Protein backbone atom coordinates (compact mmCIF):
# COMPACT_ATOMS: atom_id res chain seq x y z
CA UNK A 1 10.82 1.74 3.58
CA UNK A 2 10.69 -1.25 5.90
CA UNK A 3 13.08 -1.37 8.84
CA UNK A 4 14.03 -5.00 9.42
CA UNK A 5 16.07 -6.78 12.11
CA UNK A 6 17.48 -10.31 11.90
CA UNK A 7 18.34 -11.98 15.20
CA UNK A 8 20.00 -15.42 15.27
CA UNK A 9 23.04 -16.83 17.09
CA UNK A 10 23.83 -18.98 14.04
CA UNK A 11 26.08 -16.51 12.25
CA UNK A 12 26.18 -18.48 8.99
CA UNK A 13 22.38 -18.56 8.79
CA UNK A 14 22.25 -14.90 9.77
CA UNK A 15 24.64 -13.93 6.97
CA UNK A 16 22.66 -15.92 4.40
CA UNK A 17 19.36 -14.29 5.34
CA UNK A 18 20.94 -10.84 5.31
CA UNK A 19 22.32 -11.48 1.82
CA UNK A 20 18.89 -12.55 0.53
CA UNK A 21 17.33 -9.35 1.83
CA UNK A 22 20.19 -7.26 0.48
CA UNK A 23 19.51 -8.59 -3.02
CA UNK A 24 15.73 -8.06 -2.77
CA UNK A 25 14.03 -5.43 -4.90
CA UNK A 26 12.06 -4.16 -1.92
CA UNK A 27 13.19 -0.95 -0.24
CA UNK A 28 14.63 -2.14 3.08
CA UNK A 29 17.09 -1.40 5.83
CA UNK A 30 18.46 -4.49 7.55
CA UNK A 31 20.28 -4.78 10.90
CA UNK A 32 21.67 -8.06 12.21
CA UNK A 33 22.05 -9.25 15.81
CA UNK A 34 23.65 -12.43 17.13
CA UNK A 35 21.57 -12.56 20.31
CA UNK A 36 18.37 -11.37 21.94
CA UNK A 37 20.14 -9.21 24.50
CA UNK A 38 22.00 -7.35 21.75
CA UNK A 39 18.75 -6.69 19.93
CA UNK A 40 17.11 -5.37 23.09
CA UNK A 41 20.15 -3.27 24.01
CA UNK A 42 20.07 -1.51 20.63
CA UNK A 43 16.66 -0.01 21.52
CA UNK A 44 15.89 0.64 17.86
CA UNK A 45 12.44 0.68 16.29
CA UNK A 46 11.67 -1.87 13.58
CA UNK A 47 8.72 -2.72 11.39
CA UNK A 48 9.63 -6.40 11.15
CA UNK A 49 11.90 -8.67 13.23
CA UNK A 50 12.98 -12.18 12.24
CA UNK A 51 13.78 -13.90 15.52
CA UNK A 52 15.32 -17.34 16.03
CA UNK A 53 13.56 -19.22 18.82
CA UNK A 54 16.37 -21.58 19.80
CA UNK A 55 19.12 -19.07 20.64
CA UNK A 56 21.46 -19.79 23.54
CA UNK A 57 21.11 -17.59 26.61
CA UNK A 58 18.00 -15.48 26.06
CA UNK A 59 15.89 -17.46 23.61
CA UNK A 60 13.54 -16.02 21.02
CA UNK A 61 10.39 -16.43 23.11
CA UNK A 62 11.80 -14.45 26.03
CA UNK A 63 13.28 -11.85 23.67
CA UNK A 64 9.86 -11.39 22.06
CA UNK A 65 8.17 -10.96 25.44
CA UNK A 66 10.64 -8.21 26.32
CA UNK A 67 10.13 -6.56 22.93
CA UNK A 68 6.36 -6.61 23.36
CA UNK A 69 6.62 -4.68 26.63
CA UNK A 70 7.85 -1.62 24.75
CA UNK A 71 6.52 -2.15 21.23
CA UNK A 72 3.06 -3.60 20.63
CA UNK A 73 3.12 -2.93 16.88
CA UNK A 74 6.34 -4.52 15.61
CA UNK A 75 5.76 -7.63 13.52
CA UNK A 76 7.71 -10.66 14.77
CA UNK A 77 8.44 -13.68 12.60
CA UNK A 78 9.93 -16.71 14.34
CA UNK A 79 12.68 -18.81 12.79
CA UNK A 80 13.20 -22.30 14.18
CA UNK A 81 14.12 -25.85 13.25
CA UNK A 82 11.33 -27.19 15.47
CA UNK A 83 7.67 -26.92 14.55
CA UNK A 84 6.49 -27.67 18.11
CA UNK A 85 7.36 -24.11 19.14
CA UNK A 86 4.38 -22.85 17.14
CA UNK A 87 1.98 -22.50 20.10
CA UNK A 88 4.48 -20.48 22.14
CA UNK A 89 5.29 -18.35 19.12
CA UNK A 90 1.72 -17.21 18.68
CA UNK A 91 1.29 -16.60 22.42
CA UNK A 92 3.26 -13.38 21.94
CA UNK A 93 1.27 -12.39 18.82
CA UNK A 94 3.79 -13.44 16.21
CA UNK A 95 3.17 -12.22 12.66
CA UNK A 96 4.49 -15.44 11.19
CA UNK A 97 6.56 -18.57 11.56
CA UNK A 98 9.28 -19.98 9.27
CA UNK A 99 10.95 -23.38 9.69
CA UNK A 100 14.73 -23.48 9.18
CA UNK A 101 16.47 -23.76 6.84
CA UNK A 102 14.45 -20.83 5.57
CA UNK A 103 13.75 -20.83 1.86
CA UNK A 104 14.54 -17.63 -0.02
CA UNK A 105 11.06 -17.20 -1.46
CA UNK A 106 9.39 -17.86 1.91
CA UNK A 107 11.52 -15.12 3.48
CA UNK A 108 10.76 -12.63 0.72
CA UNK A 109 7.05 -13.44 0.78
CA UNK A 110 6.98 -12.68 4.50
CA UNK A 111 8.71 -9.33 3.87
CA UNK A 112 6.21 -8.45 1.13
CA UNK A 113 3.25 -9.43 3.31
CA UNK A 114 4.53 -7.29 6.18
CA UNK A 115 5.05 -4.41 3.77
CA UNK A 116 1.47 -4.72 2.53
CA UNK A 117 0.18 -4.62 6.11
CA UNK A 118 2.32 -1.58 6.84
CA UNK A 119 0.84 0.25 3.89
CA UNK A 120 -2.73 -0.64 4.95
CA UNK A 121 -2.00 0.74 8.41
CA UNK A 122 -0.98 4.10 6.94
CA UNK A 123 -3.78 6.52 6.01
CA UNK A 124 -4.04 7.28 2.27
CA UNK A 125 -2.84 10.63 0.95
CA UNK A 126 -5.33 11.50 -1.79
CA UNK A 127 -4.85 14.23 -4.38
CA UNK A 128 -7.21 15.31 -7.16
CA UNK A 129 -6.07 15.55 -10.78
CA UNK A 130 -7.95 16.96 -13.77
CA UNK A 131 -7.38 14.22 -16.32
CA UNK A 132 -8.74 13.33 -19.75
CA UNK A 133 -10.93 10.79 -17.93
CA UNK A 134 -12.33 13.48 -15.62
CA UNK A 135 -11.44 14.48 -12.06
CA UNK A 136 -9.61 11.57 -10.44
CA UNK A 137 -8.52 11.01 -6.85
CA UNK A 138 -5.18 9.24 -6.56
CA UNK A 139 -3.21 8.07 -3.52
CA UNK A 140 0.21 9.63 -4.07
CA UNK A 141 1.92 6.41 -2.94
CA UNK A 142 0.31 4.61 -5.88
CA UNK A 143 1.95 6.91 -8.42
CA UNK A 144 5.13 5.56 -10.01
CA UNK A 145 6.07 8.54 -12.14
CA UNK A 146 4.85 11.25 -14.52
CA UNK A 147 6.18 11.71 -18.03
CA UNK A 148 5.73 14.60 -20.46
CA UNK A 149 5.08 13.12 -23.89
CA UNK A 150 3.27 14.33 -27.02
CA UNK A 151 2.33 17.59 -25.29
CA UNK A 152 0.58 15.77 -22.48
CA UNK A 153 1.47 14.39 -19.07
CA UNK A 154 1.17 10.65 -18.56
CA UNK A 155 0.83 9.59 -14.94
CA UNK A 156 1.67 5.94 -14.39
CA UNK A 157 -0.12 4.50 -11.34
CA UNK A 158 -0.79 1.06 -9.90
CA UNK A 159 -4.30 1.24 -11.37
CA UNK A 160 -3.11 2.23 -14.85
CA UNK A 161 -2.21 5.33 -16.85
CA UNK A 162 -3.87 8.73 -16.53
CA UNK A 163 -3.42 11.48 -19.13
CA UNK A 164 -3.72 15.20 -18.49
CA UNK A 165 -2.76 18.58 -19.85
CA UNK A 166 -0.34 20.86 -18.07
CA UNK A 167 3.28 21.63 -17.32
CA UNK A 168 5.53 18.83 -16.10
CA UNK A 169 7.62 21.44 -14.26
CA UNK A 170 4.59 22.73 -12.35
CA UNK A 171 3.52 19.18 -11.58
CA UNK A 172 6.98 18.55 -10.13
CA UNK A 173 6.62 21.62 -7.93
CA UNK A 174 3.17 20.50 -6.75
CA UNK A 175 4.35 17.01 -5.84
CA UNK A 176 7.73 17.90 -4.31
CA UNK A 177 6.34 18.04 -0.76
CA UNK A 178 5.02 14.49 -1.23
CA UNK A 179 8.55 13.15 -1.85
CA UNK A 180 8.64 13.40 -5.62
CA UNK A 181 11.71 14.61 -7.50
CA UNK A 182 12.73 15.56 -11.04
CA UNK A 183 15.45 13.31 -12.51
CA UNK A 184 15.03 14.58 -16.07
CA UNK A 185 13.24 17.49 -17.76
CA UNK A 186 10.52 15.11 -18.99
CA UNK A 187 9.96 13.11 -15.78
CA UNK A 188 8.79 13.44 -12.18
CA UNK A 189 9.33 10.33 -10.06
CA UNK A 190 7.95 9.12 -6.74
CA UNK A 191 10.93 8.49 -4.44
CA UNK A 192 8.82 5.95 -2.52
CA UNK A 193 8.69 3.75 -5.62
CA UNK A 194 12.44 3.70 -6.34
CA UNK A 195 14.11 0.36 -5.79
CA UNK A 196 17.61 1.08 -7.08
CA UNK A 197 19.75 3.65 -8.82
CA UNK A 198 22.26 2.12 -11.21
CA UNK A 199 24.47 4.74 -12.78
CA UNK A 200 21.99 6.93 -14.65
CA UNK A 201 19.14 4.40 -14.60
CA UNK A 202 16.39 4.68 -11.98
CA UNK A 203 14.67 1.33 -11.38
CA UNK A 204 11.16 1.45 -9.93
CA UNK A 205 9.06 -1.11 -8.05
CA UNK A 206 7.06 -1.98 -11.16
CA UNK A 207 10.20 -2.61 -13.21
CA UNK A 208 10.13 0.70 -15.07
CA UNK A 209 13.52 2.25 -15.77
CA UNK A 210 13.70 6.05 -15.95
CA UNK A 211 16.63 8.19 -17.14
CA UNK A 212 18.63 10.40 -14.80
CA UNK A 213 20.15 13.32 -16.66
CA UNK A 214 23.71 14.35 -15.84
CA UNK A 215 22.55 17.94 -15.37
CA UNK A 216 20.08 16.97 -12.63
CA UNK A 217 22.07 14.07 -11.17
CA UNK A 218 23.67 15.82 -8.18
CA UNK A 219 20.47 17.46 -6.92
CA UNK A 220 18.41 14.31 -7.51
CA UNK A 221 20.86 12.07 -5.67
CA UNK A 222 20.91 14.50 -2.76
CA UNK A 223 17.10 14.45 -2.55
CA UNK A 224 17.00 10.67 -2.75
CA UNK A 225 19.62 10.35 0.01
CA UNK A 226 17.69 12.77 2.22
CA UNK A 227 14.47 10.82 1.62
CA UNK A 228 16.10 7.49 2.50
CA UNK A 229 17.62 8.99 5.65
CA UNK A 230 14.13 10.06 6.79
CA UNK A 231 12.94 6.47 6.52
CA UNK A 232 15.55 5.10 8.95
């Protein structure tokens, strides 16, 4: 999950950007601030900060310099109506630069790019599986879900499907410590890949929709809530 902050003294623009991110399919938490001093006073850690340069009082450049003193890793994207701020923006190692009014797709592309960088910065967590194709190493974050079908387990990953023999229940037990959960007797799902839960439909990052059984609903929702809380 990406932790994102929006900082702009234009409250209308701030609300619009927050709404765009709220509707995004990416797994995000979003905090909003109407000034640089408020952002600094919160003393919260973020993965990505969208920062308006032309704020009254403490402007975005000064806010970024203060942020950099305590966090060298946070990605800062500047928002401004003036392109001539570009040189100053990159002097504090900005991740990107968006000219206002910010287009929806430009904002979302920046979020996706930052998310991709975040993933690359995290070491892979590789597990071995005995599949019909042979022994395969898979990064657990690249697994969407596992499904028991036709007496075999199908593992859906970013690289494609893997098939293997075994018990779906035992697979769920093996993967539980890697933030997987069982929403249905025939499925094990990667909580990292969940983008929304709509009633009894679990929507994943690749667009897959998995069923949530009523019998397992309470326990599954509790595990998902606990997982999301850990990401904050």
